[in-house]
Amino acid sequence: MAWASQLAALNEKVQSTFAPTLATGAVDQALYMPSSGIPDPFPITLLPLDPLRLEGVNPGNFTLRWAVDADFAAQSYTPQQGDLITIDGEDYQVEQIQADLGGGTRLMLIHAPL
């Protein structure tokens, strides 16, 4: 099996194991909204990461999340600083983007109250 397919299978397993789930058991999706408006908002799955500076709750004023690159590739989009993500009805702005060698992207998000 090729390395890329093994990595994709591992990412699927991690995502299904650690992603938050709704009462229905379905994976809880976030809504990604590019600041340029193109493409249209699209769903992505974000896994929570332990923050380096702990707040009382995560998400709070900021949150660290990991996304599978395939979610962005499906939209032919690369995450940009200033994009918005809605998580559980709360809006967050993409502050920092860090690629990781495991087929994902780490995002530092800042709460963006309207």
N, C-alpha and C. Protein backbone atom coordinates (compact mmCIF):
# COMPACT_ATOMS: atom_id res chain seq x y z
N MET A 1 0.86 -1.18 0.00
CA MET A 1 0.00 0.00 0.00
C MET A 1 0.91 1.24 0.00
N ALA A 2 0.59 2.21 -0.81
CA ALA A 2 1.40 3.42 -0.92
C ALA A 2 1.28 4.26 0.36
N TRP A 3 2.35 5.02 0.61
CA TRP A 3 2.40 5.86 1.81
C TRP A 3 1.19 6.80 1.89
N ALA A 4 0.83 7.43 0.79
CA ALA A 4 -0.28 8.39 0.79
C ALA A 4 -1.59 7.72 1.21
N SER A 5 -1.85 6.53 0.72
CA SER A 5 -3.10 5.85 1.09
C SER A 5 -3.07 5.38 2.54
N GLN A 6 -1.89 4.98 3.04
CA GLN A 6 -1.78 4.62 4.45
C GLN A 6 -2.02 5.82 5.34
N LEU A 7 -1.47 6.97 4.95
CA LEU A 7 -1.66 8.20 5.71
C LEU A 7 -3.13 8.62 5.70
N ALA A 8 -3.78 8.52 4.55
CA ALA A 8 -5.20 8.86 4.45
C ALA A 8 -6.03 7.95 5.34
N ALA A 9 -5.72 6.66 5.36
CA ALA A 9 -6.46 5.72 6.22
C ALA A 9 -6.25 6.04 7.70
N LEU A 10 -5.01 6.39 8.07
CA LEU A 10 -4.74 6.77 9.45
C LEU A 10 -5.50 8.04 9.83
N ASN A 11 -5.50 9.04 8.96
CA ASN A 11 -6.23 10.27 9.24
C ASN A 11 -7.72 10.01 9.40
N GLU A 12 -8.28 9.13 8.57
CA GLU A 12 -9.70 8.78 8.70
C GLU A 12 -9.98 8.13 10.06
N LYS A 13 -9.09 7.25 10.49
CA LYS A 13 -9.26 6.55 11.77
C LYS A 13 -9.17 7.54 12.94
N VAL A 14 -8.18 8.42 12.91
CA VAL A 14 -8.02 9.42 13.97
C VAL A 14 -9.24 10.33 14.01
N GLN A 15 -9.67 10.78 12.84
CA GLN A 15 -10.81 11.69 12.76
C GLN A 15 -12.07 11.02 13.32
N SER A 16 -12.32 9.78 12.95
CA SER A 16 -13.53 9.10 13.43
C SER A 16 -13.45 8.78 14.92
N THR A 17 -12.24 8.62 15.44
CA THR A 17 -12.07 8.30 16.86
C THR A 17 -12.17 9.53 17.75
N PHE A 18 -11.56 10.64 17.34
CA PHE A 18 -11.44 11.79 18.24
C PHE A 18 -12.32 12.98 17.90
N ALA A 19 -12.97 12.99 16.74
CA ALA A 19 -13.83 14.13 16.38
C ALA A 19 -15.03 14.17 17.32
N PRO A 20 -15.45 15.39 17.73
CA PRO A 20 -16.66 15.49 18.54
C PRO A 20 -17.85 14.95 17.74
N THR A 21 -18.79 14.36 18.43
CA THR A 21 -19.96 13.82 17.74
C THR A 21 -21.23 14.39 18.35
N LEU A 22 -22.25 14.47 17.51
CA LEU A 22 -23.57 14.91 17.96
C LEU A 22 -24.27 13.73 18.61
N ALA A 23 -25.43 13.99 19.20
CA ALA A 23 -26.20 12.92 19.84
C ALA A 23 -26.53 11.81 18.84
N THR A 24 -26.60 12.16 17.56
CA THR A 24 -26.93 11.17 16.53
C THR A 24 -25.76 10.26 16.21
N GLY A 25 -24.56 10.61 16.67
CA GLY A 25 -23.37 9.83 16.34
C GLY A 25 -22.68 10.32 15.09
N ALA A 26 -23.30 11.31 14.40
CA ALA A 26 -22.68 11.86 13.20
C ALA A 26 -21.52 12.77 13.60
N VAL A 27 -20.51 12.86 12.74
CA VAL A 27 -19.37 13.72 13.02
C VAL A 27 -19.82 15.17 12.99
N ASP A 28 -19.44 15.93 14.00
CA ASP A 28 -19.79 17.34 14.10
C ASP A 28 -18.93 18.14 13.13
N GLN A 29 -19.55 18.80 12.20
CA GLN A 29 -18.84 19.54 11.18
C GLN A 29 -18.80 21.03 11.53
N ALA A 30 -17.71 21.69 11.17
CA ALA A 30 -17.60 23.15 11.28
C ALA A 30 -17.87 23.71 9.89
N LEU A 31 -18.21 24.98 9.82
CA LEU A 31 -18.46 25.64 8.54
C LEU A 31 -17.30 26.58 8.25
N TYR A 32 -16.61 26.36 7.15
CA TYR A 32 -15.46 27.17 6.77
C TYR A 32 -15.91 28.20 5.76
N MET A 33 -15.61 29.49 6.04
CA MET A 33 -16.04 30.59 5.17
C MET A 33 -14.82 31.39 4.71
N PRO A 34 -14.38 31.19 3.46
CA PRO A 34 -13.26 31.97 2.95
C PRO A 34 -13.57 33.46 2.98
N SER A 35 -12.59 34.27 3.39
CA SER A 35 -12.81 35.72 3.48
C SER A 35 -13.05 36.34 2.11
N SER A 36 -12.57 35.71 1.05
CA SER A 36 -12.77 36.23 -0.30
C SER A 36 -14.17 35.94 -0.83
N GLY A 37 -14.88 35.03 -0.16
CA GLY A 37 -16.21 34.64 -0.62
C GLY A 37 -16.18 33.54 -1.68
N ILE A 38 -14.98 33.14 -2.10
CA ILE A 38 -14.84 32.11 -3.12
C ILE A 38 -13.88 31.05 -2.59
N PRO A 39 -14.27 29.81 -2.51
CA PRO A 39 -15.57 29.26 -2.86
C PRO A 39 -16.62 29.57 -1.79
N ASP A 40 -17.85 29.11 -2.02
CA ASP A 40 -18.90 29.27 -1.02
C ASP A 40 -18.49 28.56 0.27
N PRO A 41 -19.08 28.94 1.41
CA PRO A 41 -18.78 28.23 2.67
C PRO A 41 -18.96 26.72 2.50
N PHE A 42 -18.09 25.96 3.17
CA PHE A 42 -18.13 24.50 3.04
C PHE A 42 -17.85 23.86 4.40
N PRO A 43 -18.39 22.65 4.60
CA PRO A 43 -18.17 21.96 5.88
C PRO A 43 -16.79 21.31 5.94
N ILE A 44 -16.19 21.36 7.13
CA ILE A 44 -14.93 20.65 7.39
C ILE A 44 -15.04 20.04 8.77
N THR A 45 -14.22 19.04 9.01
CA THR A 45 -14.15 18.44 10.34
C THR A 45 -12.86 18.91 11.00
N LEU A 46 -12.98 19.46 12.19
CA LEU A 46 -11.83 19.95 12.94
C LEU A 46 -11.69 19.16 14.22
N LEU A 47 -10.49 18.68 14.48
CA LEU A 47 -10.22 17.99 15.73
C LEU A 47 -9.62 18.99 16.71
N PRO A 48 -10.09 19.02 17.96
CA PRO A 48 -9.50 19.94 18.94
C PRO A 48 -8.10 19.49 19.34
N LEU A 49 -7.20 20.44 19.51
CA LEU A 49 -5.86 20.18 20.01
C LEU A 49 -5.73 20.83 21.37
N ASP A 50 -4.92 20.25 22.24
CA ASP A 50 -4.69 20.85 23.55
C ASP A 50 -3.91 22.15 23.35
N PRO A 51 -4.44 23.26 23.86
CA PRO A 51 -3.74 24.53 23.70
C PRO A 51 -2.49 24.60 24.56
N LEU A 52 -1.51 25.36 24.10
CA LEU A 52 -0.28 25.55 24.86
C LEU A 52 -0.52 26.42 26.09
N ARG A 53 -1.45 27.37 25.98
CA ARG A 53 -1.80 28.22 27.12
C ARG A 53 -3.26 27.92 27.44
N LEU A 54 -3.48 27.21 28.50
CA LEU A 54 -4.82 26.72 28.82
C LEU A 54 -5.75 27.84 29.26
N GLU A 55 -6.95 27.80 28.74
CA GLU A 55 -8.03 28.66 29.21
C GLU A 55 -8.98 27.76 29.99
N GLY A 56 -9.98 28.38 30.60
CA GLY A 56 -10.95 27.60 31.35
C GLY A 56 -11.73 26.63 30.49
N VAL A 57 -11.99 27.02 29.26
CA VAL A 57 -12.72 26.17 28.33
C VAL A 57 -12.05 26.24 26.97
N ASN A 58 -12.21 25.20 26.19
CA ASN A 58 -11.73 25.19 24.81
C ASN A 58 -12.88 24.67 23.97
N PRO A 59 -13.46 25.44 23.08
CA PRO A 59 -12.99 26.75 22.66
C PRO A 59 -13.35 27.85 23.63
N GLY A 60 -12.52 28.84 23.69
CA GLY A 60 -12.73 30.03 24.50
C GLY A 60 -12.46 31.22 23.61
N ASN A 61 -11.57 32.12 24.04
CA ASN A 61 -11.19 33.24 23.18
C ASN A 61 -10.36 32.78 22.00
N PHE A 62 -9.70 31.66 22.14
CA PHE A 62 -8.97 31.05 21.04
C PHE A 62 -9.13 29.55 21.13
N THR A 63 -8.87 28.87 20.03
CA THR A 63 -8.87 27.42 20.02
C THR A 63 -7.87 26.94 18.98
N LEU A 64 -7.26 25.82 19.25
CA LEU A 64 -6.36 25.19 18.29
C LEU A 64 -7.08 23.99 17.71
N ARG A 65 -7.09 23.88 16.40
CA ARG A 65 -7.78 22.78 15.73
C ARG A 65 -6.91 22.20 14.63
N TRP A 66 -7.17 20.94 14.30
CA TRP A 66 -6.46 20.25 13.24
C TRP A 66 -7.47 19.82 12.19
N ALA A 67 -7.18 20.12 10.93
CA ALA A 67 -8.06 19.76 9.83
C ALA A 67 -7.32 18.85 8.85
N VAL A 68 -8.04 17.93 8.25
CA VAL A 68 -7.47 17.07 7.21
C VAL A 68 -7.39 17.90 5.93
N ASP A 69 -6.22 17.91 5.30
CA ASP A 69 -6.02 18.69 4.08
C ASP A 69 -7.01 18.32 2.97
N ALA A 70 -7.48 17.08 2.96
CA ALA A 70 -8.40 16.64 1.92
C ALA A 70 -9.69 17.46 1.91
N ASP A 71 -10.12 17.97 3.09
CA ASP A 71 -11.32 18.81 3.14
C ASP A 71 -11.13 20.09 2.33
N PHE A 72 -9.92 20.65 2.39
CA PHE A 72 -9.62 21.86 1.62
C PHE A 72 -9.37 21.53 0.16
N ALA A 73 -8.68 20.42 -0.10
CA ALA A 73 -8.39 20.03 -1.48
C ALA A 73 -9.67 19.77 -2.26
N ALA A 74 -10.69 19.23 -1.58
CA ALA A 74 -11.97 18.98 -2.25
C ALA A 74 -12.61 20.27 -2.75
N GLN A 75 -12.24 21.40 -2.15
CA GLN A 75 -12.78 22.70 -2.55
C GLN A 75 -11.76 23.50 -3.38
N SER A 76 -10.61 22.90 -3.66
CA SER A 76 -9.50 23.59 -4.35
C SER A 76 -9.18 24.89 -3.64
N TYR A 77 -9.05 24.81 -2.31
CA TYR A 77 -8.84 26.01 -1.50
C TYR A 77 -7.72 25.76 -0.49
N THR A 78 -6.94 26.80 -0.23
CA THR A 78 -5.92 26.78 0.80
C THR A 78 -6.33 27.74 1.91
N PRO A 79 -6.32 27.32 3.17
CA PRO A 79 -6.73 28.21 4.26
C PRO A 79 -5.91 29.50 4.26
N GLN A 80 -6.58 30.60 4.57
CA GLN A 80 -5.95 31.92 4.60
C GLN A 80 -6.22 32.60 5.94
N GLN A 81 -5.26 33.40 6.39
CA GLN A 81 -5.48 34.19 7.60
C GLN A 81 -6.66 35.12 7.33
N GLY A 82 -7.56 35.24 8.29
CA GLY A 82 -8.72 36.11 8.16
C GLY A 82 -10.00 35.37 7.76
N ASP A 83 -9.88 34.11 7.31
CA ASP A 83 -11.06 33.31 7.02
C ASP A 83 -11.85 33.08 8.31
N LEU A 84 -13.11 32.77 8.19
CA LEU A 84 -13.95 32.50 9.36
C LEU A 84 -14.35 31.03 9.40
N ILE A 85 -14.47 30.52 10.63
CA ILE A 85 -14.95 29.16 10.86
C ILE A 85 -16.01 29.23 11.95
N THR A 86 -17.15 28.61 11.70
CA THR A 86 -18.20 28.52 12.72
C THR A 86 -18.12 27.14 13.36
N ILE A 87 -17.92 27.14 14.69
CA ILE A 87 -17.85 25.91 15.47
C ILE A 87 -18.93 26.00 16.53
N ASP A 88 -19.85 25.06 16.51
CA ASP A 88 -20.95 25.01 17.49
C ASP A 88 -21.65 26.36 17.62
N GLY A 89 -21.88 27.03 16.50
CA GLY A 89 -22.61 28.30 16.49
C GLY A 89 -21.78 29.52 16.84
N GLU A 90 -20.49 29.35 17.10
CA GLU A 90 -19.60 30.46 17.44
C GLU A 90 -18.62 30.69 16.29
N ASP A 91 -18.40 31.96 15.94
CA ASP A 91 -17.49 32.30 14.85
C ASP A 91 -16.07 32.53 15.36
N TYR A 92 -15.11 31.98 14.62
CA TYR A 92 -13.69 32.13 14.91
C TYR A 92 -12.98 32.58 13.64
N GLN A 93 -11.99 33.43 13.80
CA GLN A 93 -11.20 33.90 12.68
C GLN A 93 -9.87 33.15 12.66
N VAL A 94 -9.45 32.74 11.47
CA VAL A 94 -8.17 32.05 11.33
C VAL A 94 -7.05 33.06 11.58
N GLU A 95 -6.24 32.78 12.58
CA GLU A 95 -5.14 33.67 12.96
C GLU A 95 -3.80 33.13 12.48
N GLN A 96 -3.57 31.83 12.69
CA GLN A 96 -2.32 31.21 12.26
C GLN A 96 -2.61 29.89 11.59
N ILE A 97 -1.79 29.59 10.58
CA ILE A 97 -1.95 28.36 9.80
C ILE A 97 -0.59 27.66 9.78
N GLN A 98 -0.59 26.39 10.13
CA GLN A 98 0.66 25.65 10.13
C GLN A 98 0.42 24.27 9.50
N ALA A 99 1.06 24.05 8.36
CA ALA A 99 0.96 22.74 7.72
C ALA A 99 1.66 21.71 8.58
N ASP A 100 1.16 20.48 8.52
CA ASP A 100 1.87 19.42 9.22
C ASP A 100 2.12 18.30 8.22
N LEU A 101 3.15 17.55 8.45
CA LEU A 101 3.57 16.54 7.49
C LEU A 101 2.64 15.33 7.45
N GLY A 102 1.63 15.32 8.32
CA GLY A 102 0.73 14.18 8.40
C GLY A 102 -0.54 14.34 7.59
N GLY A 103 -0.52 15.21 6.58
CA GLY A 103 -1.70 15.36 5.73
C GLY A 103 -2.77 16.25 6.34
N GLY A 104 -2.36 17.13 7.24
CA GLY A 104 -3.32 18.02 7.89
C GLY A 104 -2.76 19.41 8.05
N THR A 105 -3.59 20.26 8.61
CA THR A 105 -3.22 21.65 8.86
C THR A 105 -3.67 22.02 10.27
N ARG A 106 -2.75 22.61 11.04
CA ARG A 106 -3.10 23.12 12.36
C ARG A 106 -3.53 24.57 12.21
N LEU A 107 -4.65 24.91 12.84
CA LEU A 107 -5.19 26.26 12.76
C LEU A 107 -5.33 26.83 14.16
N MET A 108 -4.82 28.05 14.36
CA MET A 108 -5.09 28.77 15.60
C MET A 108 -6.20 29.76 15.28
N LEU A 109 -7.28 29.66 16.01
CA LEU A 109 -8.47 30.45 15.75
C LEU A 109 -8.75 31.39 16.92
N ILE A 110 -9.13 32.62 16.60
CA ILE A 110 -9.48 33.63 17.60
C ILE A 110 -10.98 33.88 17.54
N HIS A 111 -11.64 33.91 18.69
CA HIS A 111 -13.08 34.15 18.74
C HIS A 111 -13.40 35.46 18.05
N ALA A 112 -14.38 35.44 17.18
CA ALA A 112 -14.74 36.63 16.40
C ALA A 112 -16.20 36.98 16.66
N PRO A 113 -16.49 37.61 17.82
CA PRO A 113 -17.90 37.94 18.10
C PRO A 113 -18.41 38.96 17.11
N LEU A 114 -19.67 38.83 16.75
CA LEU A 114 -20.28 39.76 15.79
C LEU A 114 -20.74 41.01 16.47
